[in-house]
Amino acid sequence: QLQLVESGGGLAQPGGSLRVSCVASGGTFRQYTLGWFRQAPGKEREFVGAVRGSGANTYHYADSVKGRFTISRDNAKNTVTLQMNRLTPEDTALYYCTAGRPILSMIRTETAYWYWGQGIQVTVSS
């Protein structure tokens, strides 16, 4: 059973940057694919990005964040980080860290993930 705890986030101005991190405990971190999803008010939760585990270490991003957001993982520290640059108000959402072992075709599907953090708020506003 993997436990995930997010930190960071907060308020940023449009064009600014924020970082959210997620620390895992209770499992073999390196074997999991780690993902980030977000949910804006009144909208469904959507895929942001993911990094595969078990040595694959391939990165996948939603088109809406590609080139602006970067995921990194540190298996020694059981941590995955989402660096968000050039933020826009449309990035305002509750951001969730997640872990699982989805097949590649399901990596953008939230039901393919097993463990979830509690979520952390990111607000982009002037």
C-alpha atoms as a PDB file:
ATOM      1  CA  GLN A   1       0.000   0.000   0.000  1.00  0.00           C
ATOM      2  CA  LEU A   2       1.563   3.236  -1.172  1.00  0.00           C
ATOM      3  CA  GLN A   3       0.801   6.512   0.598  1.00  0.00           C
ATOM      4  CA  LEU A   4       1.232   9.762  -1.334  1.00  0.00           C
ATOM      5  CA  VAL A   5       1.478  13.248   0.140  1.00  0.00           C
ATOM      6  CA  GLU A   6       1.632  16.384  -1.982  1.00  0.00           C
ATOM      7  CA  SER A   7       3.231  19.683  -1.024  1.00  0.00           C
ATOM      8  CA  GLY A   8       3.929  23.021  -2.637  1.00  0.00           C
ATOM      9  CA  GLY A   9       1.376  24.647  -4.887  1.00  0.00           C
ATOM     10  CA  GLY A  10      -0.271  27.889  -3.850  1.00  0.00           C
ATOM     11  CA  LEU A  11      -0.846  31.116  -5.751  1.00  0.00           C
ATOM     12  CA  ALA A  12       1.002  32.392  -8.801  1.00  0.00           C
ATOM     13  CA  GLN A  13       0.484  35.189 -11.278  1.00  0.00           C
ATOM     14  CA  PRO A  14      -0.114  34.458 -14.944  1.00  0.00           C
ATOM     15  CA  GLY A  15       3.234  33.741 -16.579  1.00  0.00           C
ATOM     16  CA  GLY A  16       4.721  32.672 -13.269  1.00  0.00           C
ATOM     17  CA  SER A  17       5.927  29.342 -11.956  1.00  0.00           C
ATOM     18  CA  LEU A  18       5.043  26.915  -9.214  1.00  0.00           C
ATOM     19  CA  ARG A  19       6.239  23.531  -8.111  1.00  0.00           C
ATOM     20  CA  VAL A  20       4.306  20.703  -6.531  1.00  0.00           C
ATOM     21  CA  SER A  21       5.995  17.687  -5.027  1.00  0.00           C
ATOM     22  CA  CYS A  22       4.788  14.297  -3.890  1.00  0.00           C
ATOM     23  CA  VAL A  23       6.486  12.030  -1.393  1.00  0.00           C
ATOM     24  CA  ALA A  24       5.622   8.349  -1.291  1.00  0.00           C
ATOM     25  CA  SER A  25       5.896   5.831   1.501  1.00  0.00           C
ATOM     26  CA  GLY A  26       4.913   2.244   2.127  1.00  0.00           C
ATOM     27  CA  GLY A  27       5.869   0.609  -1.150  1.00  0.00           C
ATOM     28  CA  THR A  28       8.506  -0.052  -3.780  1.00  0.00           C
ATOM     29  CA  PHE A  29       8.523   3.373  -5.339  1.00  0.00           C
ATOM     30  CA  ARG A  30      10.702   2.720  -8.335  1.00  0.00           C
ATOM     31  CA  GLN A  31       8.398   0.122  -9.872  1.00  0.00           C
ATOM     32  CA  TYR A  32       5.452   2.501 -10.198  1.00  0.00           C
ATOM     33  CA  THR A  33       4.389   4.846 -12.919  1.00  0.00           C
ATOM     34  CA  LEU A  34       3.837   8.228 -11.280  1.00  0.00           C
ATOM     35  CA  GLY A  35       1.230  10.563 -12.621  1.00  0.00           C
ATOM     36  CA  TRP A  36      -0.246  13.984 -12.066  1.00  0.00           C
ATOM     37  CA  PHE A  37      -3.892  14.761 -12.655  1.00  0.00           C
ATOM     38  CA  ARG A  38      -5.841  17.928 -11.985  1.00  0.00           C
ATOM     39  CA  GLN A  39      -9.416  18.919 -11.427  1.00  0.00           C
ATOM     40  CA  ALA A  40     -10.750  22.417 -11.924  1.00  0.00           C
ATOM     41  CA  PRO A  41     -14.042  23.553 -10.365  1.00  0.00           C
ATOM     42  CA  GLY A  42     -16.980  22.141 -12.274  1.00  0.00           C
ATOM     43  CA  LYS A  43     -14.792  19.994 -14.504  1.00  0.00           C
ATOM     44  CA  GLU A  44     -13.734  16.380 -14.605  1.00  0.00           C
ATOM     45  CA  ARG A  45     -10.327  15.320 -13.441  1.00  0.00           C
ATOM     46  CA  GLU A  46      -7.837  15.345 -16.305  1.00  0.00           C
ATOM     47  CA  PHE A  47      -4.418  13.937 -17.041  1.00  0.00           C
ATOM     48  CA  VAL A  48      -1.465  16.296 -16.724  1.00  0.00           C
ATOM     49  CA  GLY A  49       1.562  14.068 -17.098  1.00  0.00           C
ATOM     50  CA  ALA A  50       3.271  10.877 -16.028  1.00  0.00           C
ATOM     51  CA  VAL A  51       6.636   9.201 -15.810  1.00  0.00           C
ATOM     52  CA  ARG A  52       6.921   5.452 -16.108  1.00  0.00           C
ATOM     53  CA  GLY A  53       8.773   3.329 -13.582  1.00  0.00           C
ATOM     54  CA  SER A  54      10.770   0.114 -13.514  1.00  0.00           C
ATOM     55  CA  GLY A  55      13.613   1.714 -15.408  1.00  0.00           C
ATOM     56  CA  ALA A  56      11.523   2.846 -18.371  1.00  0.00           C
ATOM     57  CA  ASN A  57      11.507   6.496 -17.271  1.00  0.00           C
ATOM     58  CA  THR A  58       9.596   7.732 -20.282  1.00  0.00           C
ATOM     59  CA  TYR A  59       7.623  10.942 -19.910  1.00  0.00           C
ATOM     60  CA  HIS A  60       4.136  11.708 -21.131  1.00  0.00           C
ATOM     61  CA  TYR A  61       2.318  15.039 -21.040  1.00  0.00           C
ATOM     62  CA  ALA A  62      -1.073  16.422 -21.891  1.00  0.00           C
ATOM     63  CA  ASP A  63      -0.973  18.683 -24.935  1.00  0.00           C
ATOM     64  CA  SER A  64      -2.196  21.575 -22.804  1.00  0.00           C
ATOM     65  CA  VAL A  65       0.927  21.530 -20.626  1.00  0.00           C
ATOM     66  CA  LYS A  66       3.570  20.189 -22.981  1.00  0.00           C
ATOM     67  CA  GLY A  67       6.559  22.528 -23.081  1.00  0.00           C
ATOM     68  CA  ARG A  68       5.480  24.305 -19.904  1.00  0.00           C
ATOM     69  CA  PHE A  69       5.338  21.562 -17.267  1.00  0.00           C
ATOM     70  CA  THR A  70       8.116  19.132 -16.386  1.00  0.00           C
ATOM     71  CA  ILE A  71       7.919  15.994 -14.281  1.00  0.00           C
ATOM     72  CA  SER A  72      10.923  14.602 -12.492  1.00  0.00           C
ATOM     73  CA  ARG A  73      11.295  11.644 -10.183  1.00  0.00           C
ATOM     74  CA  ASP A  74      13.919  10.821  -7.587  1.00  0.00           C
ATOM     75  CA  ASN A  75      13.732   7.146  -6.682  1.00  0.00           C
ATOM     76  CA  ALA A  76      16.279   7.567  -3.900  1.00  0.00           C
ATOM     77  CA  LYS A  77      14.001  10.075  -2.168  1.00  0.00           C
ATOM     78  CA  ASN A  78      10.681   8.492  -3.201  1.00  0.00           C
ATOM     79  CA  THR A  79       9.688  11.827  -4.673  1.00  0.00           C
ATOM     80  CA  VAL A  80       8.058  13.038  -7.862  1.00  0.00           C
ATOM     81  CA  THR A  81       7.912  16.726  -8.723  1.00  0.00           C
ATOM     82  CA  LEU A  82       5.827  18.734 -11.153  1.00  0.00           C
ATOM     83  CA  GLN A  83       7.490  21.981 -12.208  1.00  0.00           C
ATOM     84  CA  MET A  84       4.957  24.338 -13.765  1.00  0.00           C
ATOM     85  CA  ASN A  85       6.122  27.308 -15.827  1.00  0.00           C
ATOM     86  CA  ARG A  86       4.318  29.936 -17.883  1.00  0.00           C
ATOM     87  CA  LEU A  87       1.192  29.367 -15.866  1.00  0.00           C
ATOM     88  CA  THR A  88      -2.193  30.597 -17.070  1.00  0.00           C
ATOM     89  CA  PRO A  89      -5.505  30.966 -15.207  1.00  0.00           C
ATOM     90  CA  GLU A  90      -6.632  27.792 -16.981  1.00  0.00           C
ATOM     91  CA  ASP A  91      -4.060  25.876 -14.931  1.00  0.00           C
ATOM     92  CA  THR A  92      -5.983  26.660 -11.748  1.00  0.00           C
ATOM     93  CA  ALA A  93      -7.050  23.351 -10.245  1.00  0.00           C
ATOM     94  CA  LEU A  94      -6.595  20.822  -7.503  1.00  0.00           C
ATOM     95  CA  TYR A  95      -3.543  18.779  -8.459  1.00  0.00           C
ATOM     96  CA  TYR A  96      -3.289  15.105  -7.555  1.00  0.00           C
ATOM     97  CA  CYS A  97      -0.293  12.836  -7.409  1.00  0.00           C
ATOM     98  CA  THR A  98      -0.978   9.238  -8.331  1.00  0.00           C
ATOM     99  CA  ALA A  99       0.839   5.934  -8.718  1.00  0.00           C
ATOM    100  CA  GLY A 100       0.108   2.685 -10.485  1.00  0.00           C
ATOM    101  CA  ARG A 101       1.271   0.347 -13.175  1.00  0.00           C
ATOM    102  CA  PRO A 102      -0.857   1.187 -16.187  1.00  0.00           C
ATOM    103  CA  ILE A 103      -0.081  -0.237 -19.567  1.00  0.00           C
ATOM    104  CA  LEU A 104       1.193   2.399 -21.956  1.00  0.00           C
ATOM    105  CA  SER A 105      -2.128   2.844 -23.732  1.00  0.00           C
ATOM    106  CA  MET A 106      -3.824   3.593 -20.401  1.00  0.00           C
ATOM    107  CA  ILE A 107      -1.256   5.982 -18.968  1.00  0.00           C
ATOM    108  CA  ARG A 108      -3.618   8.953 -19.382  1.00  0.00           C
ATOM    109  CA  THR A 109      -6.570   7.171 -17.754  1.00  0.00           C
ATOM    110  CA  GLU A 110      -7.214   7.890 -14.081  1.00  0.00           C
ATOM    111  CA  THR A 111      -8.874   4.548 -13.416  1.00  0.00           C
ATOM    112  CA  ALA A 112      -5.596   2.834 -14.349  1.00  0.00           C
ATOM    113  CA  TYR A 113      -3.904   4.227 -11.248  1.00  0.00           C
ATOM    114  CA  TRP A 114      -4.106   2.643  -7.826  1.00  0.00           C
ATOM    115  CA  TYR A 115      -2.930   5.185  -5.273  1.00  0.00           C
ATOM    116  CA  TRP A 116      -3.791   8.861  -4.926  1.00  0.00           C
ATOM    117  CA  GLY A 117      -2.681  11.794  -2.834  1.00  0.00           C
ATOM    118  CA  GLN A 118      -5.126  14.116  -1.158  1.00  0.00           C
ATOM    119  CA  GLY A 119      -4.652  16.851  -3.731  1.00  0.00           C
ATOM    120  CA  ILE A 120      -3.125  20.297  -3.494  1.00  0.00           C
ATOM    121  CA  GLN A 121      -4.453  23.604  -4.752  1.00  0.00           C
ATOM    122  CA  VAL A 122      -2.789  25.600  -7.504  1.00  0.00           C
ATOM    123  CA  THR A 123      -4.302  28.998  -8.257  1.00  0.00           C
ATOM    124  CA  VAL A 124      -3.180  31.266 -11.072  1.00  0.00           C
ATOM    125  CA  SER A 125      -4.550  34.758 -10.793  1.00  0.00           C
ATOM    126  CA  SER A 126      -3.461  38.361 -11.049  1.00  0.00           C
END
